[in-house]
Amino acid sequence: MTDKTWMREALHGHYAQSFTVDELLYDSETDHQRLRVFQNGTFGRMLTLDDVVQTTEGDNFIYHEMLTHVPILAHGAAKRVCIVGGGDGGMAREVLKHAGVEQVTMVEIDAGVVEFSKQYLPMLSQGAFEDERLDLVIADGAEFMKVTQGGYDVIIVDSTDPIGPGEVLFTDTFYGHAKRALAPGGVLVTQNGVPFLQGEELTNTMRAFQALFADATCYMATVPTYAGGPMAFGWGTDGAARSVTVKDLTERFASTGIACDYYTPEVHKAAFALPGYVLKLMP
């Protein structure tokens, strides 16, 4: 134990987790944040920003599948999708598996994340950056949402935690601009942390969503490296996408030909069944 190098993540005030750094592959500071990629015996390659785990080779599929296939399949006819963040390319990878999606705008604040992800985490993007349907925009997501013409069927906010550059993506103003950028019946989904440890984050987002959308809630999935219990994903729409049946989801999913390791139509529906402690966090 003592001869190993450990990375300690202390995101939460009274709770921390650690990972062995079996091989350090990249360590550099950009204008916005410190990026590191290292090899871990359980999770494979891991990406951290300021010593907070962002994604891993081993379990990223859970997070990316649930933030893409849930809104896209619930919508049923999504053609234009906007991803805010997601510089590692994993979210774009899953969105672009949908042949019916004609155009994807990906807005990432840090070009350095994209470039080193192409080099050090190519297994996450799997060629997504070369897809002609992808329009990569290097810009502040909040500023982009303020000025975009919109018309998006699905907007996915793949943000870091609400500290540093990611903080503005958790504000009422940003959510208001995002709603304006949705096409009629469009769906907004957001990364909202682990409610057991970050309850206030979910409460604040849900308060904003309830003021903006006819249907505002969250759904959940368990991602091992985001420790502390299941993650919450914010859900907002003025349409009826959440009422889609398992039967319809099954038909839509089968028609895509997409193979998933976590998402299923049954998991999709069950993810909206919230435990009591999460319901208490809802305004």
Protein backbone atom coordinates (compact mmCIF):
# COMPACT_ATOMS: atom_id res chain seq x y z
CA MET A 1 0.00 0.00 0.00
CA THR A 2 2.67 2.52 0.96
CA ASP A 3 4.63 2.24 -2.27
CA LYS A 4 1.67 3.23 -4.43
CA THR A 5 0.93 6.75 -5.63
CA TRP A 6 -2.62 7.85 -4.83
CA MET A 7 -4.81 10.62 -6.18
CA ARG A 8 -7.10 11.95 -3.48
CA GLU A 9 -10.38 13.57 -4.52
CA ALA A 10 -11.69 15.84 -1.78
CA LEU A 11 -14.64 17.42 -3.58
CA HIS A 12 -16.90 17.04 -0.55
CA GLY A 13 -16.09 18.71 2.74
CA HIS A 14 -16.24 15.66 5.02
CA TYR A 15 -15.75 12.85 2.53
CA ALA A 16 -12.97 11.85 0.15
CA GLN A 17 -12.06 8.98 -2.14
CA SER A 18 -8.73 7.87 -3.58
CA PHE A 19 -7.47 6.11 -6.69
CA THR A 20 -4.07 4.59 -7.42
CA VAL A 21 -2.09 6.39 -10.09
CA ASP A 22 -0.51 3.33 -11.69
CA GLU A 23 0.90 5.38 -14.58
CA LEU A 24 0.70 9.14 -15.04
CA LEU A 25 0.08 9.82 -18.73
CA TYR A 26 -0.60 13.58 -18.78
CA ASP A 27 -0.26 16.41 -16.29
CA SER A 28 -0.63 20.01 -17.34
CA GLU A 29 -2.39 23.21 -16.39
CA THR A 30 -4.42 25.11 -19.00
CA ASP A 31 -5.77 28.64 -18.72
CA HIS A 32 -8.81 27.30 -16.90
CA GLN A 33 -7.91 24.19 -14.94
CA ARG A 34 -5.36 21.47 -14.23
CA LEU A 35 -5.80 18.38 -16.39
CA ARG A 36 -4.46 14.95 -15.55
CA VAL A 37 -4.84 11.56 -17.19
CA PHE A 38 -3.59 8.45 -15.45
CA GLN A 39 -3.97 4.70 -15.61
CA ASN A 40 -5.82 2.91 -12.81
CA GLY A 41 -6.02 -0.85 -12.38
CA THR A 42 -9.80 -0.89 -11.93
CA PHE A 43 -11.10 1.98 -14.07
CA GLY A 44 -8.49 2.14 -16.83
CA ARG A 45 -7.63 5.64 -18.00
CA MET A 46 -9.03 8.37 -15.78
CA LEU A 47 -9.43 12.08 -16.47
CA THR A 48 -9.35 14.52 -13.55
CA LEU A 49 -9.79 18.28 -13.46
CA ASP A 50 -8.27 19.92 -10.39
CA ASP A 51 -8.13 16.44 -8.76
CA VAL A 52 -11.84 15.79 -9.27
CA VAL A 53 -12.76 12.75 -11.36
CA GLN A 54 -14.52 13.72 -14.57
CA THR A 55 -14.66 10.49 -16.53
CA THR A 56 -13.03 7.09 -16.77
CA GLU A 57 -12.50 4.50 -19.43
CA GLY A 58 -14.19 1.91 -17.23
CA ASP A 59 -17.53 3.44 -16.23
CA ASN A 60 -18.13 6.44 -18.52
CA PHE A 61 -20.71 4.46 -20.49
CA ILE A 62 -23.26 4.76 -17.66
CA TYR A 63 -23.12 8.53 -17.48
CA HIS A 64 -22.98 9.11 -21.23
CA GLU A 65 -25.70 6.63 -22.14
CA MET A 66 -28.14 7.98 -19.57
CA LEU A 67 -27.62 11.64 -20.47
CA THR A 68 -28.09 11.01 -24.19
CA HIS A 69 -30.43 8.10 -24.85
CA VAL A 70 -33.00 9.04 -22.20
CA PRO A 71 -33.87 12.47 -23.69
CA ILE A 72 -33.32 11.49 -27.33
CA LEU A 73 -35.45 8.34 -27.20
CA ALA A 74 -38.09 10.02 -25.03
CA HIS A 75 -38.34 12.85 -27.56
CA GLY A 76 -38.67 10.39 -30.41
CA ALA A 77 -37.78 12.68 -33.29
CA ALA A 78 -34.69 14.64 -32.26
CA LYS A 79 -32.77 16.08 -35.21
CA ARG A 80 -30.76 18.89 -33.61
CA VAL A 81 -28.87 18.39 -30.35
CA CYS A 82 -26.68 20.78 -28.35
CA ILE A 83 -24.08 19.54 -25.88
CA VAL A 84 -22.70 22.09 -23.42
CA GLY A 85 -19.34 20.82 -22.16
CA GLY A 86 -18.38 17.26 -22.92
CA GLY A 87 -14.89 18.02 -24.15
CA ASP A 88 -13.78 14.39 -23.84
CA GLY A 89 -16.15 13.48 -26.68
CA GLY A 90 -18.03 10.74 -24.86
CA MET A 91 -21.38 12.53 -25.00
CA ALA A 92 -20.98 13.30 -28.69
CA ARG A 93 -20.11 9.63 -29.26
CA GLU A 94 -23.45 8.49 -27.87
CA VAL A 95 -25.55 11.24 -29.48
CA LEU A 96 -24.08 10.54 -32.91
CA LYS A 97 -25.07 6.89 -32.68
CA HIS A 98 -28.58 8.09 -33.49
CA ALA A 99 -28.85 8.16 -37.27
CA GLY A 100 -31.87 10.44 -37.02
CA VAL A 101 -29.81 13.19 -35.40
CA GLU A 102 -28.79 15.48 -38.26
CA GLN A 103 -26.71 18.09 -36.45
CA VAL A 104 -24.88 18.28 -33.11
CA THR A 105 -23.46 21.49 -31.67
CA MET A 106 -20.88 20.89 -28.96
CA VAL A 107 -19.87 23.94 -26.92
CA GLU A 108 -16.69 23.44 -24.88
CA ILE A 109 -14.93 26.26 -23.04
CA ASP A 110 -11.47 24.69 -23.02
CA ALA A 111 -9.85 23.69 -26.31
CA GLY A 112 -7.11 21.96 -24.32
CA VAL A 113 -9.60 19.38 -23.02
CA VAL A 114 -10.61 18.46 -26.56
CA GLU A 115 -7.08 18.21 -27.90
CA PHE A 116 -5.64 16.05 -25.17
CA SER A 117 -8.77 13.89 -25.09
CA LYS A 118 -8.21 13.08 -28.74
CA GLN A 119 -4.68 12.00 -27.89
CA TYR A 120 -5.03 10.40 -24.46
CA LEU A 121 -8.70 9.32 -24.32
CA PRO A 122 -9.58 8.32 -27.89
CA MET A 123 -11.61 5.39 -26.55
CA LEU A 124 -14.14 7.90 -25.21
CA SER A 125 -14.83 9.82 -28.43
CA GLN A 126 -14.40 6.86 -30.81
CA GLY A 127 -14.12 9.15 -33.83
CA ALA A 128 -16.96 11.52 -32.85
CA PHE A 129 -14.84 14.61 -33.49
CA GLU A 130 -14.47 13.57 -37.14
CA ASP A 131 -18.22 13.09 -37.71
CA GLU A 132 -19.43 15.66 -40.24
CA ARG A 133 -22.61 16.21 -38.23
CA LEU A 134 -20.61 17.60 -35.28
CA ASP A 135 -20.05 21.35 -35.02
CA LEU A 136 -17.44 21.99 -32.31
CA VAL A 137 -17.61 25.49 -30.83
CA ILE A 138 -14.89 26.62 -28.41
CA ALA A 139 -16.75 29.12 -26.26
CA ASP A 140 -18.25 29.77 -22.85
CA GLY A 141 -21.44 27.69 -22.70
CA ALA A 142 -23.38 30.36 -20.83
CA GLU A 143 -22.47 33.05 -23.36
CA PHE A 144 -23.27 30.74 -26.27
CA MET A 145 -26.69 29.91 -24.87
CA LYS A 146 -27.42 33.60 -24.44
CA VAL A 147 -26.94 34.39 -28.13
CA THR A 148 -27.75 31.16 -29.98
CA GLN A 149 -30.70 31.06 -32.37
CA GLY A 150 -31.58 27.76 -30.74
CA GLY A 151 -34.11 25.41 -32.25
CA TYR A 152 -32.61 22.39 -30.48
CA ASP A 153 -34.71 19.31 -29.83
CA VAL A 154 -32.43 18.21 -26.99
CA ILE A 155 -29.91 20.19 -24.93
CA ILE A 156 -27.49 18.21 -22.77
CA VAL A 157 -25.53 20.10 -20.12
CA ASP A 158 -22.45 17.96 -19.46
CA SER A 159 -20.86 20.32 -16.97
CA THR A 160 -18.27 20.00 -14.26
CA ASP A 161 -19.40 20.60 -10.68
CA PRO A 162 -20.61 24.14 -9.85
CA ILE A 163 -17.16 25.48 -9.07
CA GLY A 164 -14.81 27.43 -11.33
CA PRO A 165 -15.76 27.68 -15.03
CA GLY A 166 -18.75 25.35 -14.55
CA GLU A 167 -20.47 27.51 -11.94
CA VAL A 168 -22.39 29.68 -14.43
CA LEU A 169 -24.03 26.56 -15.90
CA PHE A 170 -26.05 26.09 -12.71
CA THR A 171 -27.76 29.51 -12.65
CA ASP A 172 -31.39 30.46 -13.24
CA THR A 173 -30.25 32.79 -16.02
CA PHE A 174 -28.48 30.00 -17.89
CA TYR A 175 -31.45 27.67 -17.58
CA GLY A 176 -33.73 30.41 -18.87
CA HIS A 177 -31.55 30.91 -21.93
CA ALA A 178 -31.41 27.15 -22.46
CA LYS A 179 -35.19 26.90 -22.43
CA ARG A 180 -35.42 29.64 -25.03
CA ALA A 181 -33.01 27.67 -27.20
CA LEU A 182 -35.26 24.61 -27.22
CA ALA A 183 -37.59 23.84 -30.11
CA PRO A 184 -41.25 23.14 -29.19
CA GLY A 185 -41.39 19.88 -27.26
CA GLY A 186 -37.65 19.99 -26.67
CA VAL A 187 -35.94 18.46 -23.64
CA LEU A 188 -33.21 19.91 -21.41
CA VAL A 189 -31.13 17.50 -19.29
CA THR A 190 -28.36 18.41 -16.88
CA GLN A 191 -25.69 16.83 -14.71
CA ASN A 192 -26.74 17.49 -11.12
CA GLY A 193 -24.27 15.67 -8.95
CA VAL A 194 -24.84 13.11 -6.20
CA PRO A 195 -27.87 14.23 -4.17
CA PHE A 196 -26.80 12.48 -0.97
CA LEU A 197 -23.74 14.72 -0.83
CA GLN A 198 -24.78 17.62 -3.08
CA GLY A 199 -28.45 18.06 -2.26
CA GLU A 200 -28.48 21.83 -2.47
CA GLU A 201 -27.28 21.63 -6.07
CA LEU A 202 -30.29 19.54 -7.06
CA THR A 203 -32.73 21.65 -5.06
CA ASN A 204 -31.57 24.85 -6.73
CA THR A 205 -31.77 23.36 -10.21
CA MET A 206 -35.22 21.92 -9.59
CA ARG A 207 -36.48 25.24 -8.25
CA ALA A 208 -35.36 26.91 -11.49
CA PHE A 209 -36.77 24.11 -13.66
CA GLN A 210 -40.16 24.21 -11.94
CA ALA A 211 -40.43 27.91 -12.73
CA LEU A 212 -39.54 27.31 -16.37
CA PHE A 213 -41.00 23.98 -17.47
CA ALA A 214 -44.37 22.25 -17.38
CA ASP A 215 -42.56 18.98 -16.61
CA ALA A 216 -39.61 19.40 -14.25
CA THR A 217 -37.98 16.57 -12.34
CA CYS A 218 -34.83 14.46 -12.28
CA TYR A 219 -33.83 10.89 -12.97
CA MET A 220 -30.98 8.83 -11.57
CA ALA A 221 -28.17 6.39 -12.34
CA THR A 222 -25.30 4.97 -10.33
CA VAL A 223 -21.80 5.73 -11.65
CA PRO A 224 -19.15 4.05 -9.46
CA THR A 225 -16.51 6.79 -9.61
CA TYR A 226 -19.03 9.51 -8.74
CA ALA A 227 -19.15 8.19 -5.19
CA GLY A 228 -21.80 8.88 -2.59
CA GLY A 229 -24.81 7.20 -4.16
CA PRO A 230 -26.73 7.59 -7.42
CA MET A 231 -26.26 10.67 -9.60
CA ALA A 232 -29.16 12.95 -10.46
CA PHE A 233 -29.84 14.26 -13.95
CA GLY A 234 -32.13 17.26 -14.24
CA TRP A 235 -35.05 16.97 -16.68
CA GLY A 236 -37.08 19.85 -18.08
CA THR A 237 -39.57 20.03 -20.94
CA ASP A 238 -42.91 21.55 -21.87
CA GLY A 239 -43.75 18.45 -23.90
CA ALA A 240 -44.97 14.98 -23.03
CA ALA A 241 -41.69 13.13 -23.58
CA ARG A 242 -41.57 11.66 -20.08
CA SER A 243 -44.89 9.88 -20.53
CA VAL A 244 -43.55 7.66 -23.34
CA THR A 245 -44.33 3.99 -22.69
CA VAL A 246 -41.84 1.16 -22.34
CA LYS A 247 -43.39 -0.36 -25.46
CA ASP A 248 -42.69 2.75 -27.52
CA LEU A 249 -39.22 3.11 -26.05
CA THR A 250 -38.46 -0.50 -26.89
CA GLU A 251 -39.53 0.01 -30.50
CA ARG A 252 -37.55 3.24 -30.83
CA PHE A 253 -34.46 1.74 -29.21
CA ALA A 254 -34.59 -1.38 -31.39
CA SER A 255 -34.91 0.75 -34.53
CA THR A 256 -31.65 2.57 -33.75
CA GLY A 257 -29.58 -0.62 -33.69
CA ILE A 258 -27.58 0.88 -30.82
CA ALA A 259 -25.94 -1.52 -28.34
CA CYS A 260 -25.76 -0.22 -24.76
CA ASP A 261 -24.12 -1.56 -21.62
CA TYR A 262 -26.38 0.30 -19.17
CA TYR A 263 -29.37 1.86 -20.91
CA THR A 264 -32.48 -0.21 -21.51
CA PRO A 265 -36.07 1.00 -21.97
CA GLU A 266 -36.94 -0.49 -18.57
CA VAL A 267 -34.03 1.29 -16.88
CA HIS A 268 -35.13 4.49 -18.66
CA LYS A 269 -38.58 4.40 -17.05
CA ALA A 270 -37.35 3.20 -13.65
CA ALA A 271 -34.75 5.99 -13.45
CA PHE A 272 -37.55 8.51 -12.84
CA ALA A 273 -38.71 6.64 -9.71
CA LEU A 274 -37.02 8.69 -7.00
CA PRO A 275 -36.07 7.56 -3.49
CA GLY A 276 -37.53 9.37 -0.51
CA TYR A 277 -34.44 11.36 0.40
CA VAL A 278 -34.30 12.78 -3.13
CA LEU A 279 -38.00 13.64 -3.14
CA LYS A 280 -37.38 15.66 0.01
CA LEU A 281 -34.86 17.75 -1.90
CA MET A 282 -37.42 18.76 -4.49
CA PRO A 283 -38.83 22.26 -3.86
